[in-house]
Amino acid sequence: MAIYDLYMSIGLKRNISHFANIVKIAKSDKNISQEEVQLLIKIAKKYNIDDEKYKEILKDPEKTPTIAHLDCEERIERLFDLLKMVNADHNIAEEEVSILRKIVTGLAFPLHRVDKIVDQAIQMEIDNCELEDFQKRILKVIKI
């Protein structure tokens, strides 16, 4: 284990984990589109992921484990980011949805609601949706 890993804050670890999940979705169709690359760069900056870590994750996102987020709002925000990546190329592939379901499970959403959460999220017009509206709709699905 590198010294960097020992001293990394839990917040940064969660951000790196989340970024790796987003990369998994981007790579799921074996082709990262230009729109997806632009979104990855934007998200990496948002989460303070340096160029070296960015390249490492882009090369092999599977090496980075999913870290669950305890706060429900934070988990929904992560789901929102994931959906932006799923929709970045305006083509939602079955493989992307399959990976999304696994990640939503790893983010500690209620197991009996994972399919409903993913289905509801995919049906939303994510490009025209604000995070607050998204959170409200997903909370309804979780609490049903």
Foldseek 3Di string as FASTA:
>chain_A
DDPCVVPDDVLLLQLLLLLLLLLCLCCQVVDRDPLLVVLSVVSCVVSVNDPVSSVVSNVPSVVRHHAADDDLLVLLVSLLSSLCSCCSVPDRDPSSLVSSLVNNVSNPQPNVQSVVLSVVSNPDPSVPDDSVVSSVVSVVSSVD
